[in-house]
Amino acid sequence: MKLCLGTVQLGMKYGIAGDPQPNVEEAMHMLEYAFANGITGLDTASSYGNSEEVIGLFLQKNSAAQKQVQIFTKTPAHCFHRQEVKNYTNILKNSLQASLKKLHAPYIDSYLFHTADYAYDYEKLYTLYQLKESGDVVHCGISVYTPEEALSAINSGFIDCIQVPFNLFDHRFYTSGIFSLAKEKNIAVYCRSVYLQGLFVKKEQTLPSFLKVAQPYLKILQRISAENGMLPLELAMHFVKNFKEIDTVLVGINTLQQLKENLTIFKTEIILSEIAKEILSVFAQLPEIVYLPALWHRESL
């Protein structure tokens, strides 16, 4: 299992933790530190503000990183909206070249659709798959939100990787068998939302009004963490690391200190098999609004 740096926070304001977006100089320091400490995966997207440009600036300044870093980026959302099938190839090629130019990268290791319902359209998935012939893309895949989307994409035979949310509160992709199916089909699983956009580290008094429903579950989480001598952040990471079907864990950061903390946590080996079973049981029936950010009312922030 590898640790990949999620860079949405380097290009735009994101999450509920309340940390400010780092400036370009701070972002450079974080990327340099990540690479120097063994992180060679960077996850971004064309819709993450100026994230691709920030990564591109870093790669321009670091020739070693340009050769070793694996870039995961995504197509523009709804890139085929109201487009005819005959235009699909050119749309993807143009989007890919735009990302390569901004990233100053020789190729993209993993290029993913950023529109989950494309998982049901095999014509779209096949068009993405064909990009690998150019050599500009090594792996292709899709970022999804539901196990049903993941199942459809996996069964298409046209993807090499899939990005899914998975954390202490959201177990859907494990309990539905998606992890084991992906492993069987030799499809890489990239896990995002490990900290649920910072929810696991939010203080009770700072929770947005629409997330007050999460309070009782966060208290249970704090109890389990304390009983096992860990912070919620540590428990969240080690819970995910317990699932060997996951190939890459994506973690977003706002500060260099957060990056250092995540590296320390990730490199610490802790076996959580029994605690993981407890978490799967205790948090098995949570209301969707607790673990689905799409249902959160951001205007209340």
C-alpha atoms as a PDB file:
ATOM      1  CA  MET A   1       0.000   0.000   0.000  1.00  0.00           C
ATOM      2  CA  LYS A   2       1.298   3.442  -0.981  1.00  0.00           C
ATOM      3  CA  LEU A   3       0.574   6.907   0.359  1.00  0.00           C
ATOM      4  CA  CYS A   4      -0.449   9.431  -2.290  1.00  0.00           C
ATOM      5  CA  LEU A   5      -0.710  13.172  -1.713  1.00  0.00           C
ATOM      6  CA  GLY A   6      -4.128  14.570  -2.582  1.00  0.00           C
ATOM      7  CA  THR A   7      -3.599  18.103  -3.845  1.00  0.00           C
ATOM      8  CA  VAL A   8      -7.086  19.582  -4.102  1.00  0.00           C
ATOM      9  CA  GLN A   9      -6.269  21.763  -1.068  1.00  0.00           C
ATOM     10  CA  LEU A  10      -3.245  23.175  -2.883  1.00  0.00           C
ATOM     11  CA  GLY A  11      -5.457  24.521  -5.656  1.00  0.00           C
ATOM     12  CA  MET A  12      -8.643  25.599  -3.890  1.00  0.00           C
ATOM     13  CA  LYS A  13     -10.399  25.782  -0.535  1.00  0.00           C
ATOM     14  CA  TYR A  14     -11.726  22.361   0.389  1.00  0.00           C
ATOM     15  CA  GLY A  15     -13.064  20.384   3.350  1.00  0.00           C
ATOM     16  CA  ILE A  16     -14.550  21.426   6.655  1.00  0.00           C
ATOM     17  CA  ALA A  17     -11.456  21.518   8.867  1.00  0.00           C
ATOM     18  CA  GLY A  18     -11.198  25.283   8.480  1.00  0.00           C
ATOM     19  CA  ASP A  19      -7.544  25.518   7.443  1.00  0.00           C
ATOM     20  CA  PRO A  20      -6.638  28.230   4.912  1.00  0.00           C
ATOM     21  CA  GLN A  21      -5.440  27.338   1.427  1.00  0.00           C
ATOM     22  CA  PRO A  22      -1.626  27.414   1.298  1.00  0.00           C
ATOM     23  CA  ASN A  23       0.057  29.919  -0.993  1.00  0.00           C
ATOM     24  CA  VAL A  24       2.293  28.753  -3.852  1.00  0.00           C
ATOM     25  CA  GLU A  25       5.499  28.988  -1.807  1.00  0.00           C
ATOM     26  CA  GLU A  26       3.986  26.896   1.006  1.00  0.00           C
ATOM     27  CA  ALA A  27       2.678  24.392  -1.525  1.00  0.00           C
ATOM     28  CA  MET A  28       6.178  24.051  -3.023  1.00  0.00           C
ATOM     29  CA  HIS A  29       7.633  23.288   0.403  1.00  0.00           C
ATOM     30  CA  MET A  30       4.998  20.594   0.975  1.00  0.00           C
ATOM     31  CA  LEU A  31       5.565  18.954  -2.392  1.00  0.00           C
ATOM     32  CA  GLU A  32       9.328  19.039  -1.922  1.00  0.00           C
ATOM     33  CA  TYR A  33       9.049  17.522   1.554  1.00  0.00           C
ATOM     34  CA  ALA A  34       6.634  14.832   0.346  1.00  0.00           C
ATOM     35  CA  PHE A  35       8.937  13.785  -2.488  1.00  0.00           C
ATOM     36  CA  ALA A  36      12.034  13.837  -0.261  1.00  0.00           C
ATOM     37  CA  ASN A  37      10.247  11.521   2.156  1.00  0.00           C
ATOM     38  CA  GLY A  38       9.147   8.893  -0.302  1.00  0.00           C
ATOM     39  CA  ILE A  39       5.780  10.099  -1.581  1.00  0.00           C
ATOM     40  CA  THR A  40       5.846   9.698  -5.343  1.00  0.00           C
ATOM     41  CA  GLY A  41       2.098   9.785  -6.041  1.00  0.00           C
ATOM     42  CA  LEU A  42       0.220  13.072  -6.552  1.00  0.00           C
ATOM     43  CA  ASP A  43      -3.536  13.114  -7.072  1.00  0.00           C
ATOM     44  CA  THR A  44      -5.123  16.106  -8.775  1.00  0.00           C
ATOM     45  CA  ALA A  45      -7.813  17.062 -11.302  1.00  0.00           C
ATOM     46  CA  SER A  46      -8.464  19.707 -13.915  1.00  0.00           C
ATOM     47  CA  SER A  47     -11.269  21.032 -11.690  1.00  0.00           C
ATOM     48  CA  TYR A  48      -9.117  21.434  -8.546  1.00  0.00           C
ATOM     49  CA  GLY A  49      -8.504  25.153  -9.007  1.00  0.00           C
ATOM     50  CA  ASN A  50      -4.880  25.709  -9.980  1.00  0.00           C
ATOM     51  CA  SER A  51      -3.669  22.413  -8.474  1.00  0.00           C
ATOM     52  CA  GLU A  52      -2.303  21.095 -11.771  1.00  0.00           C
ATOM     53  CA  GLU A  53      -0.361  24.326 -12.309  1.00  0.00           C
ATOM     54  CA  VAL A  54       1.111  24.147  -8.793  1.00  0.00           C
ATOM     55  CA  ILE A  55       2.276  20.579  -9.400  1.00  0.00           C
ATOM     56  CA  GLY A  56       3.633  21.622 -12.784  1.00  0.00           C
ATOM     57  CA  LEU A  57       5.680  24.375 -11.188  1.00  0.00           C
ATOM     58  CA  PHE A  58       7.098  21.867  -8.717  1.00  0.00           C
ATOM     59  CA  LEU A  59       8.011  19.382 -11.453  1.00  0.00           C
ATOM     60  CA  GLN A  60       9.656  22.130 -13.507  1.00  0.00           C
ATOM     61  CA  LYS A  61      11.933  22.916 -10.577  1.00  0.00           C
ATOM     62  CA  ASN A  62      12.710  19.300  -9.691  1.00  0.00           C
ATOM     63  CA  SER A  63      13.973  17.111 -12.537  1.00  0.00           C
ATOM     64  CA  ALA A  64      14.263  14.060 -10.292  1.00  0.00           C
ATOM     65  CA  ALA A  65      10.606  14.375  -9.311  1.00  0.00           C
ATOM     66  CA  GLN A  66       9.591  14.797 -12.934  1.00  0.00           C
ATOM     67  CA  LYS A  67      11.073  11.380 -13.660  1.00  0.00           C
ATOM     68  CA  GLN A  68       9.772   9.576 -10.573  1.00  0.00           C
ATOM     69  CA  VAL A  69       6.448  11.139  -9.567  1.00  0.00           C
ATOM     70  CA  GLN A  70       3.270   9.337 -10.584  1.00  0.00           C
ATOM     71  CA  ILE A  71       0.489  11.729 -11.527  1.00  0.00           C
ATOM     72  CA  PHE A  72      -3.165  10.817 -11.017  1.00  0.00           C
ATOM     73  CA  THR A  73      -5.404  13.398 -12.656  1.00  0.00           C
ATOM     74  CA  LYS A  74      -8.983  13.537 -13.903  1.00  0.00           C
ATOM     75  CA  THR A  75     -10.939  14.722 -16.891  1.00  0.00           C
ATOM     76  CA  PRO A  76     -13.104  17.841 -16.646  1.00  0.00           C
ATOM     77  CA  ALA A  77     -16.415  16.946 -15.016  1.00  0.00           C
ATOM     78  CA  HIS A  78     -19.231  16.194 -17.483  1.00  0.00           C
ATOM     79  CA  CYS A  79     -16.795  16.595 -20.362  1.00  0.00           C
ATOM     80  CA  PHE A  80     -19.166  14.831 -22.784  1.00  0.00           C
ATOM     81  CA  HIS A  81     -22.250  16.847 -21.834  1.00  0.00           C
ATOM     82  CA  ARG A  82     -24.457  17.283 -24.922  1.00  0.00           C
ATOM     83  CA  GLN A  83     -21.687  15.962 -27.164  1.00  0.00           C
ATOM     84  CA  GLU A  84     -22.039  13.374 -29.932  1.00  0.00           C
ATOM     85  CA  VAL A  85     -20.120  10.107 -29.690  1.00  0.00           C
ATOM     86  CA  LYS A  86     -17.995  11.073 -32.699  1.00  0.00           C
ATOM     87  CA  ASN A  87     -16.524  13.960 -30.641  1.00  0.00           C
ATOM     88  CA  TYR A  88     -15.540  11.895 -27.605  1.00  0.00           C
ATOM     89  CA  THR A  89     -12.012  11.057 -28.700  1.00  0.00           C
ATOM     90  CA  ASN A  90     -11.038  14.635 -29.542  1.00  0.00           C
ATOM     91  CA  ILE A  91     -12.564  15.955 -26.321  1.00  0.00           C
ATOM     92  CA  LEU A  92     -10.479  13.554 -24.233  1.00  0.00           C
ATOM     93  CA  LYS A  93      -7.317  14.131 -26.234  1.00  0.00           C
ATOM     94  CA  ASN A  94      -7.651  17.904 -25.857  1.00  0.00           C
ATOM     95  CA  SER A  95      -8.371  17.616 -22.125  1.00  0.00           C
ATOM     96  CA  LEU A  96      -5.409  15.309 -21.657  1.00  0.00           C
ATOM     97  CA  GLN A  97      -3.029  17.601 -23.529  1.00  0.00           C
ATOM     98  CA  ALA A  98      -4.231  20.583 -21.480  1.00  0.00           C
ATOM     99  CA  SER A  99      -3.444  18.703 -18.260  1.00  0.00           C
ATOM    100  CA  LEU A 100      -0.047  17.539 -19.523  1.00  0.00           C
ATOM    101  CA  LYS A 101       0.839  21.120 -20.421  1.00  0.00           C
ATOM    102  CA  LYS A 102      -0.155  22.470 -17.010  1.00  0.00           C
ATOM    103  CA  LEU A 103       1.563  19.628 -15.181  1.00  0.00           C
ATOM    104  CA  HIS A 104       4.778  19.764 -17.227  1.00  0.00           C
ATOM    105  CA  ALA A 105       4.649  15.979 -17.092  1.00  0.00           C
ATOM    106  CA  PRO A 106       5.817  13.612 -19.857  1.00  0.00           C
ATOM    107  CA  TYR A 107       2.755  11.408 -19.315  1.00  0.00           C
ATOM    108  CA  ILE A 108      -0.101  10.692 -16.905  1.00  0.00           C
ATOM    109  CA  ASP A 109       0.180   7.529 -14.835  1.00  0.00           C
ATOM    110  CA  SER A 110      -3.571   7.330 -14.089  1.00  0.00           C
ATOM    111  CA  TYR A 111      -6.185   9.321 -16.004  1.00  0.00           C
ATOM    112  CA  LEU A 112      -9.673   9.064 -14.524  1.00  0.00           C
ATOM    113  CA  PHE A 113     -13.142  10.202 -15.453  1.00  0.00           C
ATOM    114  CA  HIS A 114     -14.365  12.777 -12.929  1.00  0.00           C
ATOM    115  CA  THR A 115     -18.030  12.051 -13.680  1.00  0.00           C
ATOM    116  CA  ALA A 116     -19.206   8.978 -11.809  1.00  0.00           C
ATOM    117  CA  ASP A 117     -22.248   8.172 -13.950  1.00  0.00           C
ATOM    118  CA  TYR A 118     -19.942   7.591 -16.926  1.00  0.00           C
ATOM    119  CA  ALA A 119     -19.392   4.239 -15.233  1.00  0.00           C
ATOM    120  CA  TYR A 120     -22.627   3.080 -16.859  1.00  0.00           C
ATOM    121  CA  ASP A 121     -21.658   4.149 -20.390  1.00  0.00           C
ATOM    122  CA  TYR A 122     -19.226   1.674 -21.926  1.00  0.00           C
ATOM    123  CA  GLU A 123     -18.763   3.812 -25.037  1.00  0.00           C
ATOM    124  CA  LYS A 124     -17.297   6.553 -22.856  1.00  0.00           C
ATOM    125  CA  LEU A 125     -15.148   4.116 -20.893  1.00  0.00           C
ATOM    126  CA  TYR A 126     -13.824   2.556 -24.089  1.00  0.00           C
ATOM    127  CA  THR A 127     -12.888   5.983 -25.460  1.00  0.00           C
ATOM    128  CA  LEU A 128     -10.864   6.658 -22.317  1.00  0.00           C
ATOM    129  CA  TYR A 129      -9.291   3.208 -22.551  1.00  0.00           C
ATOM    130  CA  GLN A 130      -8.079   3.942 -26.083  1.00  0.00           C
ATOM    131  CA  LEU A 131      -6.006   6.893 -24.847  1.00  0.00           C
ATOM    132  CA  LYS A 132      -3.437   4.400 -23.563  1.00  0.00           C
ATOM    133  CA  GLU A 133      -2.415   3.697 -27.162  1.00  0.00           C
ATOM    134  CA  SER A 134      -0.778   7.140 -27.405  1.00  0.00           C
ATOM    135  CA  GLY A 135       1.615   6.496 -24.517  1.00  0.00           C
ATOM    136  CA  ASP A 136       0.447   9.683 -22.793  1.00  0.00           C
ATOM    137  CA  VAL A 137      -1.639   7.596 -20.363  1.00  0.00           C
ATOM    138  CA  VAL A 138      -0.470   4.441 -18.591  1.00  0.00           C
ATOM    139  CA  HIS A 139      -3.633   3.543 -16.677  1.00  0.00           C
ATOM    140  CA  CYS A 140      -7.228   4.684 -17.048  1.00  0.00           C
ATOM    141  CA  GLY A 141     -10.095   4.605 -14.597  1.00  0.00           C
ATOM    142  CA  ILE A 142     -12.913   6.481 -12.925  1.00  0.00           C
ATOM    143  CA  SER A 143     -13.661   8.213  -9.638  1.00  0.00           C
ATOM    144  CA  VAL A 144     -16.967   6.951  -8.236  1.00  0.00           C
ATOM    145  CA  TYR A 145     -19.305   7.546  -5.309  1.00  0.00           C
ATOM    146  CA  THR A 146     -21.376   4.355  -5.092  1.00  0.00           C
ATOM    147  CA  PRO A 147     -20.666   0.615  -5.208  1.00  0.00           C
ATOM    148  CA  GLU A 148     -23.119   0.327  -8.122  1.00  0.00           C
ATOM    149  CA  GLU A 149     -21.004   2.723 -10.186  1.00  0.00           C
ATOM    150  CA  ALA A 150     -17.862   0.828  -9.258  1.00  0.00           C
ATOM    151  CA  LEU A 151     -19.391  -2.513 -10.201  1.00  0.00           C
ATOM    152  CA  SER A 152     -20.459  -1.263 -13.618  1.00  0.00           C
ATOM    153  CA  ALA A 153     -17.035   0.229 -14.363  1.00  0.00           C
ATOM    154  CA  ILE A 154     -15.206  -2.905 -13.249  1.00  0.00           C
ATOM    155  CA  ASN A 155     -17.429  -5.144 -15.348  1.00  0.00           C
ATOM    156  CA  SER A 156     -16.801  -3.014 -18.446  1.00  0.00           C
ATOM    157  CA  GLY A 157     -13.305  -4.421 -18.822  1.00  0.00           C
ATOM    158  CA  PHE A 158     -12.039  -0.955 -19.804  1.00  0.00           C
ATOM    159  CA  ILE A 159     -10.522   0.327 -16.559  1.00  0.00           C
ATOM    160  CA  ASP A 160      -7.258  -0.360 -14.730  1.00  0.00           C
ATOM    161  CA  CYS A 161      -7.997   1.624 -11.559  1.00  0.00           C
ATOM    162  CA  ILE A 162     -10.866   2.989  -9.557  1.00  0.00           C
ATOM    163  CA  GLN A 163     -11.001   5.737  -6.934  1.00  0.00           C
ATOM    164  CA  VAL A 164     -13.491   5.328  -4.090  1.00  0.00           C
ATOM    165  CA  PRO A 165     -14.330   6.915  -0.730  1.00  0.00           C
ATOM    166  CA  PHE A 166     -13.627   4.708   2.282  1.00  0.00           C
ATOM    167  CA  ASN A 167     -13.231   5.576   5.951  1.00  0.00           C
ATOM    168  CA  LEU A 168     -14.325   4.861   9.516  1.00  0.00           C
ATOM    169  CA  PHE A 169     -17.933   5.855   8.741  1.00  0.00           C
ATOM    170  CA  ASP A 170     -18.254   4.753   5.112  1.00  0.00           C
ATOM    171  CA  HIS A 171     -17.734   1.024   4.525  1.00  0.00           C
ATOM    172  CA  ARG A 172     -19.929   0.528   1.440  1.00  0.00           C
ATOM    173  CA  PHE A 173     -17.222  -0.506  -1.004  1.00  0.00           C
ATOM    174  CA  TYR A 174     -15.879  -3.146   1.356  1.00  0.00           C
ATOM    175  CA  THR A 175     -19.182  -4.631   2.539  1.00  0.00           C
ATOM    176  CA  SER A 176     -20.568  -4.751  -1.021  1.00  0.00           C
ATOM    177  CA  GLY A 177     -17.595  -6.798  -2.219  1.00  0.00           C
ATOM    178  CA  ILE A 178     -16.117  -4.148  -4.522  1.00  0.00           C
ATOM    179  CA  PHE A 179     -12.661  -4.408  -2.958  1.00  0.00           C
ATOM    180  CA  SER A 180     -12.443  -8.168  -3.429  1.00  0.00           C
ATOM    181  CA  LEU A 181     -13.857  -7.965  -6.975  1.00  0.00           C
ATOM    182  CA  ALA A 182     -11.319  -5.308  -7.966  1.00  0.00           C
ATOM    183  CA  LYS A 183      -8.529  -7.478  -6.590  1.00  0.00           C
ATOM    184  CA  GLU A 184      -9.832 -10.455  -8.549  1.00  0.00           C
ATOM    185  CA  LYS A 185      -9.917  -8.385 -11.762  1.00  0.00           C
ATOM    186  CA  ASN A 186      -6.445  -6.899 -11.133  1.00  0.00           C
ATOM    187  CA  ILE A 187      -7.876  -3.384 -10.871  1.00  0.00           C
ATOM    188  CA  ALA A 188      -6.044  -0.966  -8.570  1.00  0.00           C
ATOM    189  CA  VAL A 189      -8.089   0.606  -5.771  1.00  0.00           C
ATOM    190  CA  TYR A 190      -7.314   4.206  -4.797  1.00  0.00           C
ATOM    191  CA  CYS A 191      -8.914   5.184  -1.497  1.00  0.00           C
ATOM    192  CA  ARG A 192      -9.906   8.801  -0.828  1.00  0.00           C
ATOM    193  CA  SER A 193     -11.807  10.601   1.947  1.00  0.00           C
ATOM    194  CA  VAL A 194      -9.846   8.789   4.667  1.00  0.00           C
ATOM    195  CA  TYR A 195     -10.524  11.625   7.120  1.00  0.00           C
ATOM    196  CA  LEU A 196     -13.927  12.510   5.631  1.00  0.00           C
ATOM    197  CA  GLN A 197     -12.844  16.038   4.688  1.00  0.00           C
ATOM    198  CA  GLY A 198     -11.593  16.671   8.211  1.00  0.00           C
ATOM    199  CA  LEU A 199     -14.762  15.598  10.041  1.00  0.00           C
ATOM    200  CA  PHE A 200     -12.895  13.158  12.288  1.00  0.00           C
ATOM    201  CA  VAL A 201     -10.744  15.940  13.755  1.00  0.00           C
ATOM    202  CA  LYS A 202     -13.465  18.558  14.166  1.00  0.00           C
ATOM    203  CA  LYS A 203     -14.208  19.744  17.696  1.00  0.00           C
ATOM    204  CA  GLU A 204     -17.828  19.336  18.757  1.00  0.00           C
ATOM    205  CA  GLN A 205     -18.306  23.075  19.242  1.00  0.00           C
ATOM    206  CA  THR A 206     -17.016  23.838  15.739  1.00  0.00           C
ATOM    207  CA  LEU A 207     -19.246  21.422  13.832  1.00  0.00           C
ATOM    208  CA  PRO A 208     -21.395  23.118  11.172  1.00  0.00           C
ATOM    209  CA  SER A 209     -25.088  23.054  12.071  1.00  0.00           C
ATOM    210  CA  PHE A 210     -25.910  20.558   9.314  1.00  0.00           C
ATOM    211  CA  LEU A 211     -23.427  18.073  10.794  1.00  0.00           C
ATOM    212  CA  LYS A 212     -24.699  18.112  14.367  1.00  0.00           C
ATOM    213  CA  VAL A 213     -26.241  14.755  13.482  1.00  0.00           C
ATOM    214  CA  ALA A 214     -22.689  13.367  13.477  1.00  0.00           C
ATOM    215  CA  GLN A 215     -22.032  14.274  17.133  1.00  0.00           C
ATOM    216  CA  PRO A 216     -23.035  10.950  18.743  1.00  0.00           C
ATOM    217  CA  TYR A 217     -20.950   8.983  16.242  1.00  0.00           C
ATOM    218  CA  LEU A 218     -17.930  11.226  16.718  1.00  0.00           C
ATOM    219  CA  LYS A 219     -18.200  10.652  20.487  1.00  0.00           C
ATOM    220  CA  ILE A 220     -18.168   6.885  19.913  1.00  0.00           C
ATOM    221  CA  LEU A 221     -15.165   7.317  17.649  1.00  0.00           C
ATOM    222  CA  GLN A 222     -13.358   9.319  20.316  1.00  0.00           C
ATOM    223  CA  ARG A 223     -14.104   6.590  22.859  1.00  0.00           C
ATOM    224  CA  ILE A 224     -12.749   3.817  20.618  1.00  0.00           C
ATOM    225  CA  SER A 225      -9.670   5.906  19.862  1.00  0.00           C
ATOM    226  CA  ALA A 226      -8.980   6.615  23.529  1.00  0.00           C
ATOM    227  CA  GLU A 227      -9.478   2.981  24.540  1.00  0.00           C
ATOM    228  CA  ASN A 228      -6.837   1.970  22.017  1.00  0.00           C
ATOM    229  CA  GLY A 229      -4.372   4.754  22.780  1.00  0.00           C
ATOM    230  CA  MET A 230      -4.772   6.547  19.472  1.00  0.00           C
ATOM    231  CA  LEU A 231      -5.986   9.853  18.161  1.00  0.00           C
ATOM    232  CA  PRO A 232      -8.979   9.712  15.777  1.00  0.00           C
ATOM    233  CA  LEU A 233      -6.612  10.700  12.956  1.00  0.00           C
ATOM    234  CA  GLU A 234      -4.395   7.702  13.701  1.00  0.00           C
ATOM    235  CA  LEU A 235      -7.335   5.347  13.995  1.00  0.00           C
ATOM    236  CA  ALA A 236      -8.722   6.590  10.672  1.00  0.00           C
ATOM    237  CA  MET A 237      -5.490   5.896   8.811  1.00  0.00           C
ATOM    238  CA  HIS A 238      -4.768   2.525  10.389  1.00  0.00           C
ATOM    239  CA  PHE A 239      -8.351   1.387   9.817  1.00  0.00           C
ATOM    240  CA  VAL A 240      -7.909   1.957   6.074  1.00  0.00           C
ATOM    241  CA  LYS A 241      -4.448   0.343   6.088  1.00  0.00           C
ATOM    242  CA  ASN A 242      -6.068  -2.792   7.511  1.00  0.00           C
ATOM    243  CA  PHE A 243      -7.663  -3.517   4.112  1.00  0.00           C
ATOM    244  CA  LYS A 244      -4.974  -5.028   1.906  1.00  0.00           C
ATOM    245  CA  GLU A 245      -7.094  -4.795  -1.245  1.00  0.00           C
ATOM    246  CA  ILE A 246      -6.416  -1.040  -1.235  1.00  0.00           C
ATOM    247  CA  ASP A 247      -3.371  -0.174  -3.329  1.00  0.00           C
ATOM    248  CA  THR A 248      -3.087   3.553  -2.655  1.00  0.00           C
ATOM    249  CA  VAL A 249      -4.322   5.841   0.121  1.00  0.00           C
ATOM    250  CA  LEU A 250      -4.935   9.479  -0.846  1.00  0.00           C
ATOM    251  CA  VAL A 251      -4.490  12.096   1.874  1.00  0.00           C
ATOM    252  CA  GLY A 252      -5.028  15.819   1.404  1.00  0.00           C
ATOM    253  CA  ILE A 253      -3.127  18.349   3.476  1.00  0.00           C
ATOM    254  CA  ASN A 254      -3.176  22.104   4.054  1.00  0.00           C
ATOM    255  CA  THR A 255       0.069  22.548   5.952  1.00  0.00           C
ATOM    256  CA  LEU A 256       3.563  21.093   6.162  1.00  0.00           C
ATOM    257  CA  GLN A 257       2.850  20.033   9.736  1.00  0.00           C
ATOM    258  CA  GLN A 258      -0.162  18.009   8.593  1.00  0.00           C
ATOM    259  CA  LEU A 259       2.013  16.335   5.977  1.00  0.00           C
ATOM    260  CA  LYS A 260       4.624  15.389   8.578  1.00  0.00           C
ATOM    261  CA  GLU A 261       1.936  13.994  10.883  1.00  0.00           C
ATOM    262  CA  ASN A 262       0.430  11.909   8.093  1.00  0.00           C
ATOM    263  CA  LEU A 263       3.798  10.504   7.080  1.00  0.00           C
ATOM    264  CA  THR A 264       4.535   9.496  10.664  1.00  0.00           C
ATOM    265  CA  ILE A 265       1.139   7.865  11.080  1.00  0.00           C
ATOM    266  CA  PHE A 266       1.309   6.042   7.755  1.00  0.00           C
ATOM    267  CA  LYS A 267       4.795   4.655   8.383  1.00  0.00           C
ATOM    268  CA  THR A 268       3.821   3.327  11.816  1.00  0.00           C
ATOM    269  CA  GLU A 269       2.818  -0.325  11.668  1.00  0.00           C
ATOM    270  CA  ILE A 270      -0.238  -1.147  13.777  1.00  0.00           C
ATOM    271  CA  ILE A 271      -2.440  -4.227  13.352  1.00  0.00           C
ATOM    272  CA  LEU A 272      -6.091  -3.264  13.772  1.00  0.00           C
ATOM    273  CA  SER A 273      -7.910  -6.424  12.724  1.00  0.00           C
ATOM    274  CA  GLU A 274     -10.072  -6.750  15.856  1.00  0.00           C
ATOM    275  CA  ILE A 275     -10.657  -3.007  16.178  1.00  0.00           C
ATOM    276  CA  ALA A 276     -11.565  -2.870  12.486  1.00  0.00           C
ATOM    277  CA  LYS A 277     -14.245  -5.500  13.078  1.00  0.00           C
ATOM    278  CA  GLU A 278     -15.658  -3.390  15.905  1.00  0.00           C
ATOM    279  CA  ILE A 279     -15.711  -0.278  13.703  1.00  0.00           C
ATOM    280  CA  LEU A 280     -17.433  -2.142  10.858  1.00  0.00           C
ATOM    281  CA  SER A 281     -20.101  -3.233  13.327  1.00  0.00           C
ATOM    282  CA  VAL A 282     -20.558  -0.047  15.376  1.00  0.00           C
ATOM    283  CA  PHE A 283     -20.757   2.276  12.367  1.00  0.00           C
ATOM    284  CA  ALA A 284     -22.683  -0.051  10.076  1.00  0.00           C
ATOM    285  CA  GLN A 285     -25.989   1.850  10.051  1.00  0.00           C
ATOM    286  CA  LEU A 286     -25.106   5.544   9.991  1.00  0.00           C
ATOM    287  CA  PRO A 287     -27.412   8.103   8.343  1.00  0.00           C
ATOM    288  CA  GLU A 288     -26.131   8.918   4.868  1.00  0.00           C
ATOM    289  CA  ILE A 289     -25.815  12.618   5.665  1.00  0.00           C
ATOM    290  CA  VAL A 290     -23.043  11.764   8.126  1.00  0.00           C
ATOM    291  CA  TYR A 291     -20.712  10.184   5.565  1.00  0.00           C
ATOM    292  CA  LEU A 292     -21.837  11.575   2.184  1.00  0.00           C
ATOM    293  CA  PRO A 293     -20.413  15.073   1.651  1.00  0.00           C
ATOM    294  CA  ALA A 294     -22.685  15.491  -1.379  1.00  0.00           C
ATOM    295  CA  LEU A 295     -25.565  15.796   1.103  1.00  0.00           C
ATOM    296  CA  TRP A 296     -23.866  18.437   3.227  1.00  0.00           C
ATOM    297  CA  HIS A 297     -25.236  21.960   2.900  1.00  0.00           C
ATOM    298  CA  ARG A 298     -22.073  23.929   2.263  1.00  0.00           C
ATOM    299  CA  GLU A 299     -23.882  27.255   2.277  1.00  0.00           C
ATOM    300  CA  SER A 300     -24.157  26.830   6.043  1.00  0.00           C
ATOM    301  CA  LEU A 301     -20.378  26.918   6.500  1.00  0.00           C
END
